[in-house]
Amino acid sequence: MADRNLRLYRREFLAGLGATALAPALPSIAVAQARPSLALRAKEGVIALRAGAPETPIWTLEGPASGPAFRFKRGETLEVTLGNGLPVPAVASWRGIDGVPAAAPLAARSPLPSGARETLVIPFRHAGTFLCDLRLLGDGRARPSPARALIVSESEPVAVDRDEVLLIEDWRLRADGTAIAPGLDPEGTAPIYTLNGRTSFELSAFGNERLRLRFINGTQRTVLAVKLENHDLRVMAIDGQPSEPFLARNGALVLAPGGRVDAFVETNTTSSIVLHDGKQAHPIGTLAISGYVERRAPRMPAPALPSNGLPAQLDLKSALRVDLTLGGPPADWVTPASFVNTAAPAFRAKAGRVVVLALTNRAAIATVFHLHGHHFRLLDRLDDGWKPFWLDTLAIEPGQTQRIAFAAEFAGSWLIEAIETDWAAPRLVRWYSVE
């Protein structure tokens, strides 16, 4: 029987995970002197998904770092080179990186042809947990593709002993061991979950350590609840932006596909890492405790993470208000492969104006909305305030309308995505303009 504490608290998540405002904005960041570089290549690869069976072919995003994450610092400006070694066009999507119009997939940057190479520059205005992947054009392709985490550390020290990424992904395997891409009928396939690319993952730690665990839902379509048994998870950031610290309800984190939560945990005992996908619980890893760290005095709760400088207030009275329908007939929504930026945008906003979007889900199942280029606030039901955290991804239950607001700070053409929480559902996109 599934653990009742791991039921998906979607409504609670959508209604708000915290109760207080973010910390005041920091002064502007000085321009970094050094320019780090990152060489990426889209290529054929493999992943081990079944013990004793041949490795499963996939299309991967290869980089110089081992492990699931690339790491940089706030204030740095990154030069990225992407080479496409796949037999099909590829486009890199940078989830959570605000205000870099040159990197905006599809809306400003066309797919990269097979055999081609491109370079772009990404200034890291914000610290946080972000994602990079090739999935915008991944529906129905010959092989699925994993995601890579992109970690941008704070300029100031953070009171933790270690900083760990926990990237959760899902796969659908045929009987012959090959994996199908999303957007295809999964009939006859078996679901498999991995944590940091492994079906059996162990994170070693000492007892009495404070860990920063960056939980990432890298699944294709699934809303997840994640729990570290016998531990309290203190939420510190959501979708790459700091929040007022608070304890996760019943110790479970709820993440929409592409969603990220940074949580602090005080280690005490060996525990299972368990996810719930709405159908059943899946143990996907272990926190293994060996030995203890002696401290002279009990550790005080960690303060909030430094602000990234997002606005403390939004002027809702003079906001541009737009209704967007998700689910049901595509209407103005198209698949990424059919996208052209000459089509009419979903809306146009003047730079600096606040935008309020009313998102109505007409689909029969939950639909996930993702906004590129900006983070948003989730508004209260009466439209008289907002939840005290920022998001870039939101799961909306069938028949519901959720209102979000953001300051259109960055001029450019930006993508918006909508996808139903079903493996075979198509990813759909539109775009908006800030002028």
Protein backbone atom coordinates (compact mmCIF):
# COMPACT_ATOMS: atom_id res chain seq x y z
CA MET A 1 0.00 0.00 0.00
CA ALA A 2 1.32 3.46 -0.87
CA ASP A 3 2.49 5.59 2.04
CA ARG A 4 -0.34 8.01 2.73
CA ASN A 5 2.18 10.65 3.75
CA LEU A 6 3.46 10.64 0.18
CA ARG A 7 0.15 11.46 -1.51
CA LEU A 8 0.48 14.27 -3.97
CA TYR A 9 -0.39 17.49 -2.16
CA ARG A 10 -1.09 19.28 -5.42
CA ARG A 11 -3.77 21.55 -4.05
CA GLU A 12 -1.65 22.52 -1.07
CA PHE A 13 1.27 23.19 -3.37
CA LEU A 14 -0.80 25.35 -5.69
CA ALA A 15 -2.39 27.14 -2.75
CA GLY A 16 1.00 28.03 -1.30
CA LEU A 17 3.97 26.42 0.37
CA GLY A 18 4.99 29.30 2.62
CA ALA A 19 3.62 32.21 4.59
CA THR A 20 6.07 35.11 4.56
CA ALA A 21 7.75 37.37 2.00
CA LEU A 22 11.19 36.98 0.55
CA ALA A 23 14.21 38.81 1.93
CA PRO A 24 15.02 42.35 0.69
CA ALA A 25 16.79 42.69 -2.60
CA LEU A 26 20.57 42.75 -2.70
CA PRO A 27 22.60 45.51 -4.36
CA SER A 28 23.52 45.01 -8.00
CA ILE A 29 26.16 42.40 -8.71
CA ALA A 30 29.52 43.52 -9.99
CA VAL A 31 30.38 42.17 -13.42
CA ALA A 32 32.61 39.14 -13.09
CA GLN A 33 36.10 39.52 -14.52
CA ALA A 34 36.59 35.95 -15.63
CA ARG A 35 34.43 34.28 -18.26
CA PRO A 36 34.09 30.54 -17.71
CA SER A 37 33.21 28.35 -20.67
CA LEU A 38 31.11 25.25 -21.11
CA ALA A 39 31.41 22.92 -24.10
CA LEU A 40 28.29 20.80 -24.67
CA ARG A 41 27.58 18.21 -27.31
CA ALA A 42 24.29 16.58 -28.19
CA LYS A 43 25.21 13.00 -29.06
CA GLU A 44 24.22 9.36 -28.87
CA GLY A 45 24.77 7.79 -25.46
CA VAL A 46 23.65 4.99 -23.15
CA ILE A 47 22.26 4.55 -19.65
CA ALA A 48 22.12 1.44 -17.44
CA LEU A 49 18.47 0.91 -16.48
CA ARG A 50 18.31 -2.86 -15.83
CA ALA A 51 20.80 -4.89 -13.83
CA GLY A 52 22.52 -7.50 -15.98
CA ALA A 53 20.91 -6.19 -19.17
CA PRO A 54 22.58 -4.27 -22.02
CA GLU A 55 22.75 -0.50 -21.58
CA THR A 56 19.85 1.48 -23.04
CA PRO A 57 20.59 3.81 -26.01
CA ILE A 58 19.61 7.45 -25.44
CA TRP A 59 20.41 10.90 -26.84
CA THR A 60 22.39 12.83 -24.28
CA LEU A 61 23.84 16.28 -23.59
CA GLU A 62 27.50 15.63 -22.88
CA GLY A 63 29.67 18.13 -21.02
CA PRO A 64 33.03 18.28 -19.27
CA ALA A 65 31.67 17.60 -15.77
CA SER A 66 30.86 14.16 -14.41
CA GLY A 67 27.65 13.77 -12.43
CA PRO A 68 24.28 15.39 -13.05
CA ALA A 69 25.24 19.08 -12.65
CA PHE A 70 27.34 21.90 -14.06
CA ARG A 71 28.37 24.42 -11.36
CA PHE A 72 29.11 28.13 -11.60
CA LYS A 73 28.84 31.29 -9.47
CA ARG A 74 26.45 34.21 -9.43
CA GLY A 75 27.92 37.18 -11.26
CA GLU A 76 29.84 35.05 -13.75
CA THR A 77 29.17 35.25 -17.47
CA LEU A 78 29.24 31.86 -19.13
CA GLU A 79 30.23 31.20 -22.73
CA VAL A 80 28.44 28.08 -23.94
CA THR A 81 29.34 26.16 -27.07
CA LEU A 82 26.84 23.55 -28.27
CA GLY A 83 27.68 21.04 -30.96
CA ASN A 84 24.95 18.86 -32.48
CA GLY A 85 26.16 15.32 -33.08
CA LEU A 86 22.63 13.97 -33.49
CA PRO A 87 21.06 13.04 -36.84
CA VAL A 88 18.24 15.56 -36.21
CA PRO A 89 18.04 19.27 -35.28
CA ALA A 90 18.54 20.11 -31.59
CA VAL A 91 17.75 23.07 -29.38
CA ALA A 92 18.98 23.63 -25.83
CA SER A 93 16.44 24.90 -23.31
CA TRP A 94 17.68 26.73 -20.19
CA ARG A 95 14.97 26.38 -17.56
CA GLY A 96 14.93 29.12 -14.92
CA ILE A 97 17.57 31.40 -16.47
CA ASP A 98 15.80 34.77 -16.62
CA GLY A 99 16.52 37.70 -18.88
CA VAL A 100 18.84 36.23 -21.53
CA PRO A 101 16.89 36.79 -24.78
CA ALA A 102 19.70 35.49 -27.01
CA ALA A 103 19.35 32.08 -25.32
CA ALA A 104 15.56 31.90 -25.59
CA PRO A 105 14.78 28.62 -27.38
CA LEU A 106 12.70 28.78 -30.59
CA ALA A 107 11.40 32.30 -29.92
CA ALA A 108 14.84 33.84 -30.48
CA ARG A 109 17.12 30.90 -31.27
CA SER A 110 16.37 28.46 -34.09
CA PRO A 111 17.08 24.72 -33.81
CA LEU A 112 20.68 23.76 -34.51
CA PRO A 113 21.05 21.55 -37.61
CA SER A 114 22.80 18.20 -37.41
CA GLY A 115 26.57 18.64 -37.48
CA ALA A 116 26.41 22.37 -36.67
CA ARG A 117 27.84 24.30 -33.73
CA GLU A 118 26.77 27.52 -32.00
CA THR A 119 28.00 29.76 -29.17
CA LEU A 120 25.97 31.89 -26.77
CA VAL A 121 26.74 33.97 -23.70
CA ILE A 122 24.71 33.63 -20.48
CA PRO A 123 25.18 36.14 -17.63
CA PHE A 124 24.22 34.63 -14.27
CA ARG A 125 22.17 37.39 -12.63
CA HIS A 126 20.62 34.96 -10.16
CA ALA A 127 21.90 32.17 -7.97
CA GLY A 128 19.81 29.01 -7.96
CA THR A 129 19.03 25.54 -9.26
CA PHE A 130 18.37 25.46 -13.00
CA LEU A 131 18.08 22.91 -15.82
CA CYS A 132 19.42 22.44 -19.31
CA ASP A 133 18.01 19.87 -21.72
CA LEU A 134 17.21 18.97 -25.33
CA ARG A 135 13.58 18.07 -24.74
CA LEU A 136 11.75 20.84 -26.58
CA LEU A 137 12.07 18.86 -29.81
CA GLY A 138 12.10 15.47 -28.09
CA ASP A 139 8.53 14.29 -28.61
CA GLY A 140 8.20 11.20 -30.79
CA ARG A 141 11.90 10.94 -31.58
CA ALA A 142 13.97 7.78 -31.88
CA ARG A 143 15.39 8.05 -28.36
CA PRO A 144 14.60 9.94 -25.14
CA SER A 145 16.98 12.49 -23.66
CA PRO A 146 17.95 13.20 -20.03
CA ALA A 147 18.37 16.63 -18.42
CA ARG A 148 21.41 18.24 -16.83
CA ALA A 149 21.28 20.41 -13.71
CA LEU A 150 22.89 23.83 -13.78
CA ILE A 151 23.87 25.13 -10.33
CA VAL A 152 24.73 28.79 -9.75
CA SER A 153 26.03 29.34 -6.23
CA GLU A 154 25.36 32.41 -4.11
CA SER A 155 27.92 35.22 -3.81
CA GLU A 156 27.68 34.94 -0.02
CA PRO A 157 28.54 31.87 2.08
CA VAL A 158 25.61 29.54 2.83
CA ALA A 159 25.53 27.75 6.20
CA VAL A 160 25.64 24.12 5.02
CA ASP A 161 28.24 21.36 5.23
CA ARG A 162 27.53 19.99 1.75
CA ASP A 163 25.54 20.84 -1.37
CA GLU A 164 24.07 17.88 -3.29
CA VAL A 165 21.93 17.57 -6.44
CA LEU A 166 19.16 14.94 -6.57
CA LEU A 167 17.92 14.77 -10.16
CA ILE A 168 14.93 12.43 -10.59
CA GLU A 169 14.05 11.20 -14.10
CA ASP A 170 11.70 8.64 -15.63
CA TRP A 171 11.98 6.23 -18.54
CA ARG A 172 9.63 3.90 -20.41
CA LEU A 173 11.27 0.62 -21.46
CA ARG A 174 10.07 -1.87 -24.05
CA ALA A 175 10.53 -5.60 -23.50
CA ASP A 176 13.68 -5.50 -25.66
CA GLY A 177 15.25 -2.97 -23.31
CA THR A 178 14.98 0.07 -25.60
CA ALA A 179 13.45 3.28 -24.24
CA ILE A 180 10.74 5.28 -25.98
CA ALA A 181 10.62 9.05 -26.21
CA PRO A 182 7.75 11.08 -24.71
CA GLY A 183 4.84 11.88 -26.96
CA LEU A 184 4.52 8.19 -27.94
CA ASP A 185 1.99 5.66 -26.69
CA PRO A 186 3.64 3.89 -23.69
CA GLU A 187 1.49 0.77 -24.07
CA GLY A 188 3.62 -2.31 -23.42
CA THR A 189 6.44 -0.42 -21.70
CA ALA A 190 7.57 -0.48 -18.06
CA PRO A 191 8.22 2.74 -16.10
CA ILE A 192 11.63 3.12 -14.43
CA TYR A 193 12.84 5.98 -12.23
CA THR A 194 16.44 7.03 -11.79
CA LEU A 195 18.16 9.29 -9.28
CA ASN A 196 21.26 11.01 -10.69
CA GLY A 197 21.17 8.54 -13.57
CA ARG A 198 21.06 5.43 -11.37
CA THR A 199 18.30 3.02 -10.48
CA SER A 200 20.00 2.44 -7.11
CA PHE A 201 21.54 5.57 -5.59
CA GLU A 202 23.31 6.08 -2.28
CA LEU A 203 24.23 9.43 -0.76
CA SER A 204 26.81 9.01 2.01
CA ALA A 205 26.94 11.49 4.88
CA PHE A 206 27.87 11.88 8.53
CA GLY A 207 25.17 12.27 11.14
CA ASN A 208 24.64 15.81 12.44
CA GLU A 209 25.57 17.35 9.10
CA ARG A 210 23.49 20.02 7.42
CA LEU A 211 22.94 19.17 3.78
CA ARG A 212 21.55 21.35 1.05
CA LEU A 213 19.61 18.94 -1.17
CA ARG A 214 18.59 20.32 -4.55
CA PHE A 215 15.61 18.15 -5.54
CA ILE A 216 14.83 18.32 -9.26
CA ASN A 217 11.87 16.74 -11.00
CA GLY A 218 13.48 15.85 -14.32
CA THR A 219 10.64 13.56 -15.40
CA GLN A 220 8.97 14.03 -18.74
CA ARG A 221 5.36 14.47 -17.58
CA THR A 222 4.90 13.34 -13.94
CA VAL A 223 4.07 15.39 -10.85
CA LEU A 224 6.02 13.83 -7.96
CA ALA A 225 6.02 13.86 -4.19
CA VAL A 226 9.47 13.18 -2.73
CA LYS A 227 10.29 12.30 0.85
CA LEU A 228 13.46 11.62 2.85
CA GLU A 229 12.18 9.30 5.54
CA ASN A 230 12.81 10.15 9.22
CA HIS A 231 13.99 13.67 8.37
CA ASP A 232 12.45 17.12 8.24
CA LEU A 233 12.97 18.98 4.96
CA ARG A 234 13.29 22.73 5.39
CA VAL A 235 12.40 24.42 2.09
CA MET A 236 14.81 27.24 1.21
CA ALA A 237 14.20 27.88 -2.51
CA ILE A 238 11.67 26.96 -5.20
CA ASP A 239 12.39 26.94 -8.95
CA GLY A 240 15.75 28.56 -8.33
CA GLN A 241 14.49 31.54 -6.29
CA PRO A 242 14.83 31.91 -2.49
CA SER A 243 11.78 31.51 -0.27
CA GLU A 244 11.20 32.17 3.40
CA PRO A 245 12.33 28.93 5.10
CA PHE A 246 9.54 26.55 6.12
CA LEU A 247 9.11 22.84 6.83
CA ALA A 248 7.68 20.69 4.05
CA ARG A 249 4.23 19.42 4.94
CA ASN A 250 4.45 15.84 6.25
CA GLY A 251 8.07 15.87 5.13
CA ALA A 252 7.08 15.58 1.43
CA LEU A 253 8.02 17.91 -1.41
CA VAL A 254 5.69 18.21 -4.39
CA LEU A 255 7.34 19.02 -7.70
CA ALA A 256 5.83 19.54 -11.14
CA PRO A 257 7.87 18.26 -14.10
CA GLY A 258 10.84 20.61 -14.38
CA GLY A 259 10.24 21.96 -10.86
CA ARG A 260 13.07 22.37 -8.36
CA VAL A 261 13.13 22.68 -4.58
CA ASP A 262 16.22 23.37 -2.46
CA ALA A 263 15.79 21.94 1.04
CA PHE A 264 18.08 21.87 4.06
CA VAL A 265 18.19 18.72 6.18
CA GLU A 266 19.92 17.93 9.47
CA THR A 267 21.10 14.34 9.09
CA ASN A 268 20.41 11.85 11.87
CA THR A 269 19.96 8.28 10.62
CA THR A 270 20.17 6.12 7.50
CA SER A 271 16.95 6.67 5.53
CA SER A 272 15.26 5.85 2.25
CA ILE A 273 14.58 8.46 -0.41
CA VAL A 274 11.09 7.71 -1.68
CA LEU A 275 9.02 9.23 -4.47
CA HIS A 276 5.31 8.89 -5.15
CA ASP A 277 4.08 9.31 -8.72
CA GLY A 278 0.35 9.42 -7.92
CA LYS A 279 -0.01 5.66 -8.29
CA GLN A 280 2.51 4.10 -5.93
CA ALA A 281 5.61 4.74 -3.83
CA HIS A 282 9.06 4.03 -5.28
CA PRO A 283 12.20 3.83 -3.11
CA ILE A 284 14.82 5.42 -5.39
CA GLY A 285 17.79 5.95 -3.11
CA THR A 286 19.32 5.94 0.34
CA LEU A 287 20.88 8.51 2.63
CA ALA A 288 23.57 6.37 4.30
CA ILE A 289 24.86 7.70 7.64
CA SER A 290 28.30 6.63 8.83
CA GLY A 291 29.70 8.28 11.97
CA TYR A 292 28.70 11.63 13.48
CA VAL A 293 29.97 15.18 13.54
CA GLU A 294 30.47 16.49 17.07
CA ARG A 295 29.31 20.05 17.70
CA ARG A 296 29.80 22.14 20.82
CA ALA A 297 26.27 23.53 20.74
CA PRO A 298 23.04 22.80 18.87
CA ARG A 299 22.93 24.40 15.46
CA MET A 300 20.51 27.28 14.95
CA PRO A 301 18.07 27.11 12.01
CA ALA A 302 19.61 28.48 8.83
CA PRO A 303 18.63 31.99 7.76
CA ALA A 304 16.90 32.60 4.43
CA LEU A 305 19.04 32.41 1.33
CA PRO A 306 20.21 35.77 -0.08
CA SER A 307 17.66 37.43 -2.35
CA ASN A 308 18.24 37.44 -6.09
CA GLY A 309 16.77 40.92 -6.29
CA LEU A 310 13.32 40.15 -7.68
CA PRO A 311 10.78 42.90 -6.88
CA ALA A 312 9.25 42.89 -3.42
CA GLN A 313 5.99 44.38 -4.73
CA LEU A 314 3.91 44.00 -7.89
CA ASP A 315 1.42 46.66 -9.02
CA LEU A 316 -1.61 44.51 -9.78
CA LYS A 317 -4.01 47.44 -10.22
CA SER A 318 -2.43 48.65 -13.44
CA ALA A 319 -1.36 45.20 -14.67
CA LEU A 320 -1.89 43.91 -18.19
CA ARG A 321 -4.40 41.08 -17.82
CA VAL A 322 -4.46 38.12 -20.21
CA ASP A 323 -6.56 34.93 -20.25
CA LEU A 324 -4.80 31.77 -21.46
CA THR A 325 -6.57 28.45 -21.92
CA LEU A 326 -4.57 25.26 -21.44
CA GLY A 327 -5.66 21.80 -22.54
CA GLY A 328 -8.50 20.86 -24.83
CA PRO A 329 -8.17 21.73 -28.55
CA PRO A 330 -4.74 23.23 -29.29
CA ALA A 331 -6.20 26.45 -30.76
CA ASP A 332 -3.21 28.83 -30.87
CA TRP A 333 -0.89 26.31 -29.23
CA VAL A 334 1.45 24.36 -31.52
CA THR A 335 4.07 21.66 -31.12
CA PRO A 336 7.66 22.93 -30.89
CA ALA A 337 8.46 21.37 -34.28
CA SER A 338 5.71 23.53 -35.85
CA PHE A 339 6.59 26.74 -34.02
CA VAL A 340 7.34 29.91 -35.99
CA ASN A 341 8.04 33.23 -34.29
CA THR A 342 6.17 35.06 -37.05
CA ALA A 343 2.90 33.83 -35.53
CA ALA A 344 0.99 36.27 -33.36
CA PRO A 345 2.22 36.25 -29.74
CA ALA A 346 -0.04 35.25 -26.87
CA PHE A 347 0.42 38.81 -25.60
CA ARG A 348 2.69 41.83 -25.80
CA ALA A 349 3.81 43.81 -22.76
CA LYS A 350 5.77 46.98 -22.29
CA ALA A 351 9.03 46.51 -20.42
CA GLY A 352 8.53 47.22 -16.73
CA ARG A 353 4.79 46.54 -16.71
CA VAL A 354 3.25 43.89 -14.48
CA VAL A 355 1.42 41.09 -16.32
CA VAL A 356 -1.34 38.95 -14.78
CA LEU A 357 -2.14 35.69 -16.55
CA ALA A 358 -5.34 33.74 -15.84
CA LEU A 359 -4.47 30.12 -16.67
CA THR A 360 -7.51 27.86 -17.16
CA ASN A 361 -6.97 24.13 -17.61
CA ARG A 362 -9.63 22.62 -19.90
CA ALA A 363 -7.91 19.23 -20.08
CA ALA A 364 -9.21 16.16 -18.26
CA ILE A 365 -5.93 15.83 -16.31
CA ALA A 366 -3.44 18.16 -14.64
CA THR A 367 -1.52 20.38 -17.04
CA VAL A 368 1.90 21.90 -16.42
CA PHE A 369 2.60 25.51 -17.42
CA HIS A 370 6.14 26.83 -17.79
CA LEU A 371 7.15 30.47 -18.37
CA HIS A 372 10.50 31.24 -19.98
CA GLY A 373 12.40 34.46 -19.32
CA HIS A 374 10.74 35.50 -16.04
CA HIS A 375 9.67 34.09 -12.67
CA PHE A 376 6.13 34.70 -11.42
CA ARG A 377 4.09 34.95 -8.24
CA LEU A 378 1.08 32.69 -7.67
CA LEU A 379 -1.83 34.98 -6.80
CA ASP A 380 -4.35 34.43 -4.04
CA ARG A 381 -7.86 33.43 -5.04
CA LEU A 382 -9.26 36.93 -4.48
CA ASP A 383 -6.44 38.48 -6.52
CA ASP A 384 -5.51 40.62 -3.51
CA GLY A 385 -2.04 39.21 -2.81
CA TRP A 386 0.35 36.43 -3.68
CA LYS A 387 2.11 33.44 -2.24
CA PRO A 388 5.51 34.31 -0.74
CA PHE A 389 7.67 32.50 -3.27
CA TRP A 390 8.55 32.68 -6.95
CA LEU A 391 7.91 30.00 -9.58
CA ASP A 392 8.61 29.36 -13.23
CA THR A 393 6.57 26.13 -13.43
CA LEU A 394 3.05 25.41 -12.20
CA ALA A 395 0.80 22.30 -12.30
CA ILE A 396 -2.88 23.18 -12.67
CA GLU A 397 -5.63 20.70 -11.86
CA PRO A 398 -8.38 19.97 -14.46
CA GLY A 399 -11.12 22.59 -14.51
CA GLN A 400 -9.15 25.02 -12.35
CA THR A 401 -8.05 28.57 -13.07
CA GLN A 402 -4.86 29.87 -11.45
CA ARG A 403 -3.67 33.45 -11.70
CA ILE A 404 -0.02 34.38 -11.80
CA ALA A 405 1.76 37.73 -11.99
CA PHE A 406 5.22 38.82 -13.04
CA ALA A 407 7.11 42.03 -13.78
CA ALA A 408 7.99 42.05 -17.47
CA GLU A 409 11.52 43.18 -16.75
CA PHE A 410 13.42 41.72 -19.69
CA ALA A 411 12.77 42.81 -23.27
CA GLY A 412 12.74 40.05 -25.84
CA SER A 413 10.75 37.17 -27.31
CA TRP A 414 10.03 34.40 -24.79
CA LEU A 415 8.47 30.97 -24.97
CA ILE A 416 5.62 29.58 -22.87
CA GLU A 417 4.91 25.84 -22.60
CA ALA A 418 1.90 23.72 -21.67
CA ILE A 419 1.88 19.95 -21.34
CA GLU A 420 -0.63 17.50 -19.91
CA THR A 421 0.66 15.04 -17.31
CA ASP A 422 0.51 11.98 -19.55
CA TRP A 423 3.50 10.34 -21.27
CA ALA A 424 1.83 10.41 -24.69
CA ALA A 425 0.64 14.02 -24.42
CA PRO A 426 2.29 16.48 -26.81
CA ARG A 427 4.33 19.41 -25.56
CA LEU A 428 2.70 22.63 -26.79
CA VAL A 429 4.14 26.12 -27.02
CA ARG A 430 3.31 29.76 -27.67
CA TRP A 431 5.38 32.92 -27.21
CA TYR A 432 5.09 36.37 -25.69
CA SER A 433 6.87 39.63 -26.34
CA VAL A 434 8.29 42.22 -23.94
CA GLU A 435 9.01 45.47 -25.78
